[in-house]
C-alpha cells in the first residue's frame, strides 16, 4: 500500500470547527445556571408536579447531551485530514 501524506485541513473547515467548539462551550455555560436553578426549585417544591418537571428536565438534559455529543463529532470530523478533500479541483466525486 502506498503512503498517502496527510492532507492539510482547509481554513474554512478549521473555522467551522471553531464555531462548533464555541457552540459547545456556550451551551455548557448556559446549562450551569439551569442546573443551579433546578436544584433550588427541587429543594423547595414537592408533589407530582415537581416529579414530572424533574422527569421532563432529565429527558431534556439527555437530548441536550446528545446534541452536544453530535456537535463534538462534527467538530472532530471537519478537522480530520483523512476526510478533507479539495473538492474545488477534483469535484464532489473525487475524480
PDB file of N, CA and C in Angstrom:
ATOM      1  N   UNK A   1       0.846  -1.167   0.000  1.00  0.00           N
ATOM      2  CA  UNK A   1       0.000   0.000   0.000  1.00  0.00           C
ATOM      3  C   UNK A   1       0.894   1.233   0.000  1.00  0.00           C
ATOM      4  N   UNK A   2       0.589   2.185  -0.864  1.00  0.00           N
ATOM      5  CA  UNK A   2       1.375   3.408  -0.966  1.00  0.00           C
ATOM      6  C   UNK A   2       1.073   4.330   0.204  1.00  0.00           C
ATOM      7  N   UNK A   3       2.107   5.054   0.624  1.00  0.00           N
ATOM      8  CA  UNK A   3       1.945   6.047   1.681  1.00  0.00           C
ATOM      9  C   UNK A   3       1.235   7.265   1.103  1.00  0.00           C
ATOM     10  N   UNK A   4       0.185   7.694   1.773  1.00  0.00           N
ATOM     11  CA  UNK A   4      -0.532   8.897   1.366  1.00  0.00           C
ATOM     12  C   UNK A   4      -0.308   9.931   2.456  1.00  0.00           C
ATOM     13  N   UNK A   5       0.358  11.035   2.115  1.00  0.00           N
ATOM     14  CA  UNK A   5       0.607  12.043   3.147  1.00  0.00           C
ATOM     15  C   UNK A   5      -0.706  12.659   3.619  1.00  0.00           C
ATOM     16  N   UNK A   6      -0.766  13.042   4.891  1.00  0.00           N
ATOM     17  CA  UNK A   6      -1.993  13.652   5.395  1.00  0.00           C
ATOM     18  C   UNK A   6      -2.265  14.970   4.684  1.00  0.00           C
ATOM     19  N   UNK A   7      -3.518  15.236   4.477  1.00  0.00           N
ATOM     20  CA  UNK A   7      -3.920  16.495   3.841  1.00  0.00           C
ATOM     21  C   UNK A   7      -4.053  17.566   4.910  1.00  0.00           C
ATOM     22  N   UNK A   8      -3.791  18.779   4.521  1.00  0.00           N
ATOM     23  CA  UNK A   8      -3.985  19.898   5.439  1.00  0.00           C
ATOM     24  C   UNK A   8      -5.485  20.169   5.562  1.00  0.00           C
ATOM     25  N   UNK A   9      -5.892  20.605   6.727  1.00  0.00           N
ATOM     26  CA  UNK A   9      -7.291  20.946   6.943  1.00  0.00           C
ATOM     27  C   UNK A   9      -7.520  22.343   6.374  1.00  0.00           C
ATOM     28  N   UNK A  10      -8.452  22.491   5.426  1.00  0.00           N
ATOM     29  CA  UNK A  10      -8.720  23.808   4.844  1.00  0.00           C
ATOM     30  C   UNK A  10      -9.171  24.808   5.909  1.00  0.00           C
ATOM     31  N   UNK A  11      -8.875  26.070   5.655  1.00  0.00           N
ATOM     32  CA  UNK A  11      -9.198  27.134   6.610  1.00  0.00           C
ATOM     33  C   UNK A  11     -10.691  27.193   6.913  1.00  0.00           C
ATOM     34  N   UNK A  12     -11.533  26.997   5.915  1.00  0.00           N
ATOM     35  CA  UNK A  12     -12.981  27.033   6.152  1.00  0.00           C
ATOM     36  C   UNK A  12     -13.419  25.944   7.123  1.00  0.00           C
ATOM     37  N   UNK A  13     -12.811  24.779   7.013  1.00  0.00           N
ATOM     38  CA  UNK A  13     -13.160  23.695   7.933  1.00  0.00           C
ATOM     39  C   UNK A  13     -12.621  23.961   9.329  1.00  0.00           C
ATOM     40  N   UNK A  14     -11.455  24.588   9.426  1.00  0.00           N
ATOM     41  CA  UNK A  14     -10.935  24.964  10.755  1.00  0.00           C
ATOM     42  C   UNK A  14     -11.877  25.971  11.408  1.00  0.00           C
ATOM     43  N   UNK A  15     -12.364  26.938  10.607  1.00  0.00           N
ATOM     44  CA  UNK A  15     -13.309  27.924  11.150  1.00  0.00           C
ATOM     45  C   UNK A  15     -14.609  27.239  11.584  1.00  0.00           C
ATOM     46  N   UNK A  16     -15.065  26.287  10.788  1.00  0.00           N
ATOM     47  CA  UNK A  16     -16.279  25.551  11.163  1.00  0.00           C
ATOM     48  C   UNK A  16     -16.062  24.820  12.486  1.00  0.00           C
ATOM     49  N   UNK A  17     -14.902  24.206  12.635  1.00  0.00           N
ATOM     50  CA  UNK A  17     -14.588  23.507  13.888  1.00  0.00           C
ATOM     51  C   UNK A  17     -14.578  24.485  15.059  1.00  0.00           C
ATOM     52  N   UNK A  18     -14.039  25.681  14.838  1.00  0.00           N
ATOM     53  CA  UNK A  18     -14.040  26.702  15.889  1.00  0.00           C
ATOM     54  C   UNK A  18     -15.468  27.084  16.274  1.00  0.00           C
ATOM     55  N   UNK A  19     -16.349  27.192  15.284  1.00  0.00           N
ATOM     56  CA  UNK A  19     -17.753  27.520  15.569  1.00  0.00           C
ATOM     57  C   UNK A  19     -18.435  26.392  16.348  1.00  0.00           C
ATOM     58  N   UNK A  20     -18.147  25.149  15.969  1.00  0.00           N
ATOM     59  CA  UNK A  20     -18.709  24.022  16.724  1.00  0.00           C
ATOM     60  C   UNK A  20     -18.208  24.056  18.167  1.00  0.00           C
ATOM     61  N   UNK A  21     -16.919  24.302  18.353  1.00  0.00           N
ATOM     62  CA  UNK A  21     -16.344  24.355  19.701  1.00  0.00           C
ATOM     63  C   UNK A  21     -16.978  25.488  20.507  1.00  0.00           C
ATOM     64  N   UNK A  22     -17.164  26.646  19.870  1.00  0.00           N
ATOM     65  CA  UNK A  22     -17.794  27.784  20.545  1.00  0.00           C
ATOM     66  C   UNK A  22     -19.221  27.427  20.956  1.00  0.00           C
ATOM     67  N   UNK A  23     -19.969  26.770  20.065  1.00  0.00           N
ATOM     68  CA  UNK A  23     -21.347  26.387  20.372  1.00  0.00           C
ATOM     69  C   UNK A  23     -21.395  25.421  21.557  1.00  0.00           C
ATOM     70  N   UNK A  24     -20.471  24.481  21.587  1.00  0.00           N
ATOM     71  CA  UNK A  24     -20.415  23.515  22.688  1.00  0.00           C
ATOM     72  C   UNK A  24     -20.109  24.229  24.002  1.00  0.00           C
ATOM     73  N   UNK A  25     -19.101  25.094  23.996  1.00  0.00           N
ATOM     74  CA  UNK A  25     -18.743  25.834  25.212  1.00  0.00           C
ATOM     75  C   UNK A  25     -19.886  26.729  25.676  1.00  0.00           C
ATOM     76  N   UNK A  26     -20.540  27.404  24.739  1.00  0.00           N
ATOM     77  CA  UNK A  26     -21.658  28.286  25.084  1.00  0.00           C
ATOM     78  C   UNK A  26     -22.816  27.500  25.682  1.00  0.00           C
ATOM     79  N   UNK A  27     -23.096  26.351  25.108  1.00  0.00           N
ATOM     80  CA  UNK A  27     -24.187  25.523  25.622  1.00  0.00           C
ATOM     81  C   UNK A  27     -23.887  25.056  27.041  1.00  0.00           C
ATOM     82  N   UNK A  28     -22.646  24.646  27.284  1.00  0.00           N
ATOM     83  CA  UNK A  28     -22.272  24.232  28.646  1.00  0.00           C
ATOM     84  C   UNK A  28     -22.408  25.401  29.619  1.00  0.00           C
ATOM     85  N   UNK A  29     -22.030  26.593  29.185  1.00  0.00           N
ATOM     86  CA  UNK A  29     -22.141  27.770  30.050  1.00  0.00           C
ATOM     87  C   UNK A  29     -23.602  28.067  30.377  1.00  0.00           C
ATOM     88  N   UNK A  30     -24.505  27.845  29.433  1.00  0.00           N
ATOM     89  CA  UNK A  30     -25.934  28.070  29.677  1.00  0.00           C
ATOM     90  C   UNK A  30     -26.532  26.989  30.565  1.00  0.00           C
ATOM     91  N   UNK A  31     -26.000  25.793  30.499  1.00  0.00           N
ATOM     92  CA  UNK A  31     -26.546  24.682  31.272  1.00  0.00           C
ATOM     93  C   UNK A  31     -26.283  24.842  32.767  1.00  0.00           C
ATOM     94  N   UNK A  32     -25.144  25.415  33.126  1.00  0.00           N
ATOM     95  CA  UNK A  32     -24.808  25.548  34.552  1.00  0.00           C
ATOM     96  C   UNK A  32     -25.886  26.295  35.337  1.00  0.00           C
ATOM     97  N   UNK A  33     -26.303  27.494  34.891  1.00  0.00           N
ATOM     98  CA  UNK A  33     -27.343  28.187  35.668  1.00  0.00           C
ATOM     99  C   UNK A  33     -28.689  27.455  35.656  1.00  0.00           C
ATOM    100  N   UNK A  34     -29.017  26.773  34.564  1.00  0.00           N
ATOM    101  CA  UNK A  34     -30.259  25.999  34.525  1.00  0.00           C
ATOM    102  C   UNK A  34     -30.215  24.914  35.595  1.00  0.00           C
ATOM    103  N   UNK A  35     -29.105  24.206  35.685  1.00  0.00           N
ATOM    104  CA  UNK A  35     -28.975  23.158  36.705  1.00  0.00           C
ATOM    105  C   UNK A  35     -29.035  23.737  38.110  1.00  0.00           C
ATOM    106  N   UNK A  36     -28.414  24.892  38.319  1.00  0.00           N
ATOM    107  CA  UNK A  36     -28.462  25.539  39.641  1.00  0.00           C
ATOM    108  C   UNK A  36     -29.889  25.930  40.000  1.00  0.00           C
ATOM    109  N   UNK A  37     -30.598  26.533  39.050  1.00  0.00           N
ATOM    110  CA  UNK A  37     -31.984  26.934  39.304  1.00  0.00           C
ATOM    111  C   UNK A  37     -32.873  25.719  39.563  1.00  0.00           C
ATOM    112  N   UNK A  38     -32.647  24.644  38.825  1.00  0.00           N
ATOM    113  CA  UNK A  38     -33.432  23.428  39.040  1.00  0.00           C
ATOM    114  C   UNK A  38     -33.168  22.841  40.420  1.00  0.00           C
ATOM    115  N   UNK A  39     -31.936  22.888  40.876  1.00  0.00           N
ATOM    116  CA  UNK A  39     -31.608  22.363  42.205  1.00  0.00           C
ATOM    117  C   UNK A  39     -32.336  23.157  43.284  1.00  0.00           C
ATOM    118  N   UNK A  40     -32.371  24.476  43.144  1.00  0.00           N
ATOM    119  CA  UNK A  40     -33.077  25.322  44.114  1.00  0.00           C
ATOM    120  C   UNK A  40     -34.567  25.003  44.091  1.00  0.00           C
ATOM    121  N   UNK A  41     -35.122  24.892  42.893  1.00  0.00           N
ATOM    122  CA  UNK A  41     -36.546  24.610  42.759  1.00  0.00           C
ATOM    123  C   UNK A  41     -36.905  23.246  43.341  1.00  0.00           C
ATOM    124  N   UNK A  42     -36.114  22.237  43.026  1.00  0.00           N
ATOM    125  CA  UNK A  42     -36.413  20.891  43.509  1.00  0.00           C
ATOM    126  C   UNK A  42     -36.248  20.769  45.023  1.00  0.00           C
ATOM    127  N   UNK A  43     -35.398  21.600  45.612  1.00  0.00           N
ATOM    128  CA  UNK A  43     -35.211  21.557  47.065  1.00  0.00           C
ATOM    129  C   UNK A  43     -36.436  22.084  47.807  1.00  0.00           C
ATOM    130  N   UNK A  44     -37.231  22.927  47.148  1.00  0.00           N
ATOM    131  CA  UNK A  44     -38.354  23.544  47.849  1.00  0.00           C
ATOM    132  C   UNK A  44     -39.725  23.120  47.330  1.00  0.00           C
ATOM    133  N   UNK A  45     -39.785  22.457  46.201  1.00  0.00           N
ATOM    134  CA  UNK A  45     -41.072  22.101  45.595  1.00  0.00           C
ATOM    135  C   UNK A  45     -41.304  20.606  45.745  1.00  0.00           C
ATOM    136  N   UNK A  46     -42.472  20.248  46.205  1.00  0.00           N
ATOM    137  CA  UNK A  46     -42.825  18.841  46.402  1.00  0.00           C
ATOM    138  C   UNK A  46     -44.089  18.527  45.609  1.00  0.00           C
ATOM    139  N   UNK A  47     -44.343  17.261  45.454  1.00  0.00           N
ATOM    140  CA  UNK A  47     -45.586  16.836  44.819  1.00  0.00           C
ATOM    141  C   UNK A  47     -45.380  16.305  43.413  1.00  0.00           C
ATOM    142  N   UNK A  48     -46.522  15.924  42.814  1.00  0.00           N
ATOM    143  CA  UNK A  48     -46.486  15.305  41.493  1.00  0.00           C
ATOM    144  C   UNK A  48     -45.919  16.250  40.433  1.00  0.00           C
ATOM    145  N   UNK A  49     -46.255  17.514  40.517  1.00  0.00           N
ATOM    146  CA  UNK A  49     -45.734  18.483  39.547  1.00  0.00           C
ATOM    147  C   UNK A  49     -44.221  18.563  39.588  1.00  0.00           C
ATOM    148  N   UNK A  50     -43.668  18.507  40.778  1.00  0.00           N
ATOM    149  CA  UNK A  50     -42.215  18.534  40.930  1.00  0.00           C
ATOM    150  C   UNK A  50     -41.578  17.302  40.298  1.00  0.00           C
ATOM    151  N   UNK A  51     -42.207  16.145  40.531  1.00  0.00           N
ATOM    152  CA  UNK A  51     -41.686  14.893  39.970  1.00  0.00           C
ATOM    153  C   UNK A  51     -41.728  14.945  38.448  1.00  0.00           C
ATOM    154  N   UNK A  52     -42.848  15.411  37.901  1.00  0.00           N
ATOM    155  CA  UNK A  52     -42.982  15.477  36.434  1.00  0.00           C
ATOM    156  C   UNK A  52     -42.000  16.473  35.823  1.00  0.00           C
ATOM    157  N   UNK A  53     -41.823  17.596  36.486  1.00  0.00           N
ATOM    158  CA  UNK A  53     -40.844  18.560  35.975  1.00  0.00           C
ATOM    159  C   UNK A  53     -39.444  17.955  36.018  1.00  0.00           C
ATOM    160  N   UNK A  54     -39.122  17.260  37.090  1.00  0.00           N
ATOM    161  CA  UNK A  54     -37.815  16.609  37.187  1.00  0.00           C
ATOM    162  C   UNK A  54     -37.604  15.598  36.076  1.00  0.00           C
ATOM    163  N   UNK A  55     -38.654  14.817  35.776  1.00  0.00           N
ATOM    164  CA  UNK A  55     -38.557  13.844  34.683  1.00  0.00           C
ATOM    165  C   UNK A  55     -38.381  14.544  33.339  1.00  0.00           C
ATOM    166  N   UNK A  56     -39.144  15.610  33.127  1.00  0.00           N
ATOM    167  CA  UNK A  56     -39.032  16.359  31.869  1.00  0.00           C
ATOM    168  C   UNK A  56     -37.641  16.965  31.724  1.00  0.00           C
ATOM    169  N   UNK A  57     -37.114  17.483  32.809  1.00  0.00           N
ATOM    170  CA  UNK A  57     -35.771  18.075  32.748  1.00  0.00           C
ATOM    171  C   UNK A  57     -34.711  17.006  32.511  1.00  0.00           C
ATOM    172  N   UNK A  58     -34.888  15.824  33.086  1.00  0.00           N
ATOM    173  CA  UNK A  58     -33.947  14.724  32.820  1.00  0.00           C
ATOM    174  C   UNK A  58     -33.976  14.333  31.348  1.00  0.00           C
ATOM    175  N   UNK A  59     -35.190  14.243  30.780  1.00  0.00           N
ATOM    176  CA  UNK A  59     -35.312  13.937  29.349  1.00  0.00           C
ATOM    177  C   UNK A  59     -34.657  15.026  28.507  1.00  0.00           C
ATOM    178  N   UNK A  60     -34.915  16.277  28.869  1.00  0.00           N
ATOM    179  CA  UNK A  60     -34.339  17.410  28.145  1.00  0.00           C
ATOM    180  C   UNK A  60     -32.811  17.366  28.210  1.00  0.00           C
ATOM    181  N   UNK A  61     -32.283  17.082  29.390  1.00  0.00           N
ATOM    182  CA  UNK A  61     -30.827  17.066  29.533  1.00  0.00           C
ATOM    183  C   UNK A  61     -30.190  15.925  28.732  1.00  0.00           C
ATOM    184  N   UNK A  62     -30.864  14.796  28.648  1.00  0.00           N
ATOM    185  CA  UNK A  62     -30.350  13.698  27.802  1.00  0.00           C
ATOM    186  C   UNK A  62     -30.283  14.137  26.340  1.00  0.00           C
ATOM    187  N   UNK A  63     -31.319  14.812  25.868  1.00  0.00           N
ATOM    188  CA  UNK A  63     -31.319  15.308  24.487  1.00  0.00           C
ATOM    189  C   UNK A  63     -30.251  16.385  24.297  1.00  0.00           C
ATOM    190  N   UNK A  64     -30.104  17.241  25.278  1.00  0.00           N
ATOM    191  CA  UNK A  64     -29.088  18.291  25.255  1.00  0.00           C
ATOM    192  C   UNK A  64     -27.702  17.661  25.129  1.00  0.00           C
ATOM    193  N   UNK A  65     -27.444  16.639  25.943  1.00  0.00           N
ATOM    194  CA  UNK A  65     -26.154  15.939  25.881  1.00  0.00           C
ATOM    195  C   UNK A  65     -25.942  15.274  24.526  1.00  0.00           C
ATOM    196  N   UNK A  66     -27.006  14.700  23.963  1.00  0.00           N
ATOM    197  CA  UNK A  66     -26.886  14.050  22.650  1.00  0.00           C
ATOM    198  C   UNK A  66     -26.526  15.073  21.575  1.00  0.00           C
ATOM    199  N   UNK A  67     -27.155  16.236  21.632  1.00  0.00           N
ATOM    200  CA  UNK A  67     -26.851  17.286  20.654  1.00  0.00           C
ATOM    201  C   UNK A  67     -25.401  17.730  20.792  1.00  0.00           C
ATOM    202  N   UNK A  68     -24.945  17.927  22.020  1.00  0.00           N
ATOM    203  CA  UNK A  68     -23.553  18.350  22.223  1.00  0.00           C
ATOM    204  C   UNK A  68     -22.578  17.268  21.779  1.00  0.00           C
ATOM    205  N   UNK A  69     -22.945  16.018  21.987  1.00  0.00           N
ATOM    206  CA  UNK A  69     -22.099  14.917  21.508  1.00  0.00           C
ATOM    207  C   UNK A  69     -21.989  14.962  19.989  1.00  0.00           C
ATOM    208  N   UNK A  70     -23.112  15.176  19.319  1.00  0.00           N
ATOM    209  CA  UNK A  70     -23.093  15.245  17.851  1.00  0.00           C
ATOM    210  C   UNK A  70     -22.313  16.461  17.357  1.00  0.00           C
ATOM    211  N   UNK A  71     -22.445  17.580  18.045  1.00  0.00           N
ATOM    212  CA  UNK A  71     -21.642  18.751  17.675  1.00  0.00           C
ATOM    213  C   UNK A  71     -20.154  18.447  17.816  1.00  0.00           C
ATOM    214  N   UNK A  72     -19.783  17.749  18.884  1.00  0.00           N
ATOM    215  CA  UNK A  72     -18.385  17.365  19.071  1.00  0.00           C
ATOM    216  C   UNK A  72     -17.908  16.436  17.969  1.00  0.00           C
ATOM    217  N   UNK A  73     -18.775  15.515  17.553  1.00  0.00           N
ATOM    218  CA  UNK A  73     -18.412  14.615  16.461  1.00  0.00           C
ATOM    219  C   UNK A  73     -18.219  15.387  15.161  1.00  0.00           C
ATOM    220  N   UNK A  74     -19.090  16.358  14.901  1.00  0.00           N
ATOM    221  CA  UNK A  74     -18.936  17.193  13.705  1.00  0.00           C
ATOM    222  C   UNK A  74     -17.642  17.996  13.767  1.00  0.00           C
ATOM    223  N   UNK A  75     -17.363  18.561  14.944  1.00  0.00           N
ATOM    224  CA  UNK A  75     -16.117  19.318  15.117  1.00  0.00           C
ATOM    225  C   UNK A  75     -14.915  18.433  14.801  1.00  0.00           C
ATOM    226  N   UNK A  76     -14.918  17.225  15.335  1.00  0.00           N
ATOM    227  CA  UNK A  76     -13.802  16.309  15.099  1.00  0.00           C
ATOM    228  C   UNK A  76     -13.723  15.884  13.634  1.00  0.00           C
ATOM    229  N   UNK A  77     -14.869  15.681  13.022  1.00  0.00           N
ATOM    230  CA  UNK A  77     -14.899  15.237  11.632  1.00  0.00           C
ATOM    231  C   UNK A  77     -14.330  16.292  10.689  1.00  0.00           C
ATOM    232  N   UNK A  78     -14.721  17.556  10.891  1.00  0.00           N
ATOM    233  CA  UNK A  78     -14.257  18.592   9.955  1.00  0.00           C
ATOM    234  C   UNK A  78     -12.783  18.917  10.126  1.00  0.00           C
ATOM    235  N   UNK A  79     -12.179  18.487  11.217  1.00  0.00           N
ATOM    236  CA  UNK A  79     -10.746  18.752  11.403  1.00  0.00           C
ATOM    237  C   UNK A  79      -9.893  17.520  11.162  1.00  0.00           C
ATOM    238  N   UNK A  80     -10.509  16.427  10.749  1.00  0.00           N
ATOM    239  CA  UNK A  80      -9.755  15.208  10.488  1.00  0.00           C
ATOM    240  C   UNK A  80      -9.249  15.240   9.048  1.00  0.00           C
ATOM    241  N   UNK A  81      -7.940  15.375   8.857  1.00  0.00           N
ATOM    242  CA  UNK A  81      -7.406  15.474   7.494  1.00  0.00           C
ATOM    243  C   UNK A  81      -7.773  14.285   6.612  1.00  0.00           C
ATOM    244  N   UNK A  82      -8.057  13.168   7.218  1.00  0.00           N
ATOM    245  CA  UNK A  82      -8.425  11.983   6.441  1.00  0.00           C
ATOM    246  C   UNK A  82      -9.684  12.233   5.609  1.00  0.00           C
ATOM    247  N   UNK A  83     -10.572  13.074   6.120  1.00  0.00           N
ATOM    248  CA  UNK A  83     -11.836  13.317   5.440  1.00  0.00           C
ATOM    249  C   UNK A  83     -11.842  14.614   4.637  1.00  0.00           C
ATOM    250  N   UNK A  84     -10.780  15.374   4.710  1.00  0.00           N
ATOM    251  CA  UNK A  84     -10.707  16.630   3.975  1.00  0.00           C
ATOM    252  C   UNK A  84     -10.296  16.344   2.541  1.00  0.00           C
ATOM    253  N   UNK A  85     -10.901  17.048   1.628  1.00  0.00           N
ATOM    254  CA  UNK A  85     -10.511  16.898   0.230  1.00  0.00           C
ATOM    255  C   UNK A  85     -10.573  18.252  -0.440  1.00  0.00           C
ATOM    256  N   UNK A  86      -9.973  18.318  -1.578  1.00  0.00           N
ATOM    257  CA  UNK A  86     -10.003  19.546  -2.349  1.00  0.00           C
ATOM    258  C   UNK A  86     -11.071  19.379  -3.419  1.00  0.00           C
ATOM    259  N   UNK A  87     -12.338  19.592  -3.047  1.00  0.00           N
ATOM    260  CA  UNK A  87     -13.433  19.361  -3.972  1.00  0.00           C
ATOM    261  C   UNK A  87     -13.466  20.372  -5.102  1.00  0.00           C
ATOM    262  N   UNK A  88     -12.872  21.532  -4.907  1.00  0.00           N
ATOM    263  CA  UNK A  88     -12.873  22.515  -5.988  1.00  0.00           C
ATOM    264  C   UNK A  88     -12.113  22.009  -7.204  1.00  0.00           C
ATOM    265  N   UNK A  89     -11.023  21.301  -6.962  1.00  0.00           N
ATOM    266  CA  UNK A  89     -10.232  20.845  -8.098  1.00  0.00           C
ATOM    267  C   UNK A  89     -10.604  19.438  -8.546  1.00  0.00           C
ATOM    268  N   UNK A  90     -11.154  18.637  -7.643  1.00  0.00           N
ATOM    269  CA  UNK A  90     -11.449  17.255  -8.015  1.00  0.00           C
ATOM    270  C   UNK A  90     -12.925  16.996  -8.205  1.00  0.00           C
ATOM    271  N   UNK A  91     -13.780  17.894  -7.725  1.00  0.00           N
ATOM    272  CA  UNK A  91     -15.216  17.669  -7.806  1.00  0.00           C
ATOM    273  C   UNK A  91     -15.680  16.778  -6.676  1.00  0.00           C
ATOM    274  N   UNK A  92     -16.986  16.780  -6.394  1.00  0.00           N
ATOM    275  CA  UNK A  92     -17.509  16.013  -5.269  1.00  0.00           C
ATOM    276  C   UNK A  92     -17.276  14.514  -5.385  1.00  0.00           C
ATOM    277  N   UNK A  93     -17.151  14.001  -6.588  1.00  0.00           N
ATOM    278  CA  UNK A  93     -16.964  12.558  -6.734  1.00  0.00           C
ATOM    279  C   UNK A  93     -15.528  12.140  -6.508  1.00  0.00           C
ATOM    280  N   UNK A  94     -14.616  13.118  -6.400  1.00  0.00           N
ATOM    281  CA  UNK A  94     -13.213  12.805  -6.168  1.00  0.00           C
ATOM    282  C   UNK A  94     -12.464  12.454  -7.431  1.00  0.00           C
ATOM    283  N   UNK A  95     -13.072  12.672  -8.586  1.00  0.00           N
ATOM    284  CA  UNK A  95     -12.416  12.340  -9.857  1.00  0.00           C
ATOM    285  C   UNK A  95     -11.773  13.545 -10.475  1.00  0.00           C
TER     286      UNK A  95
END
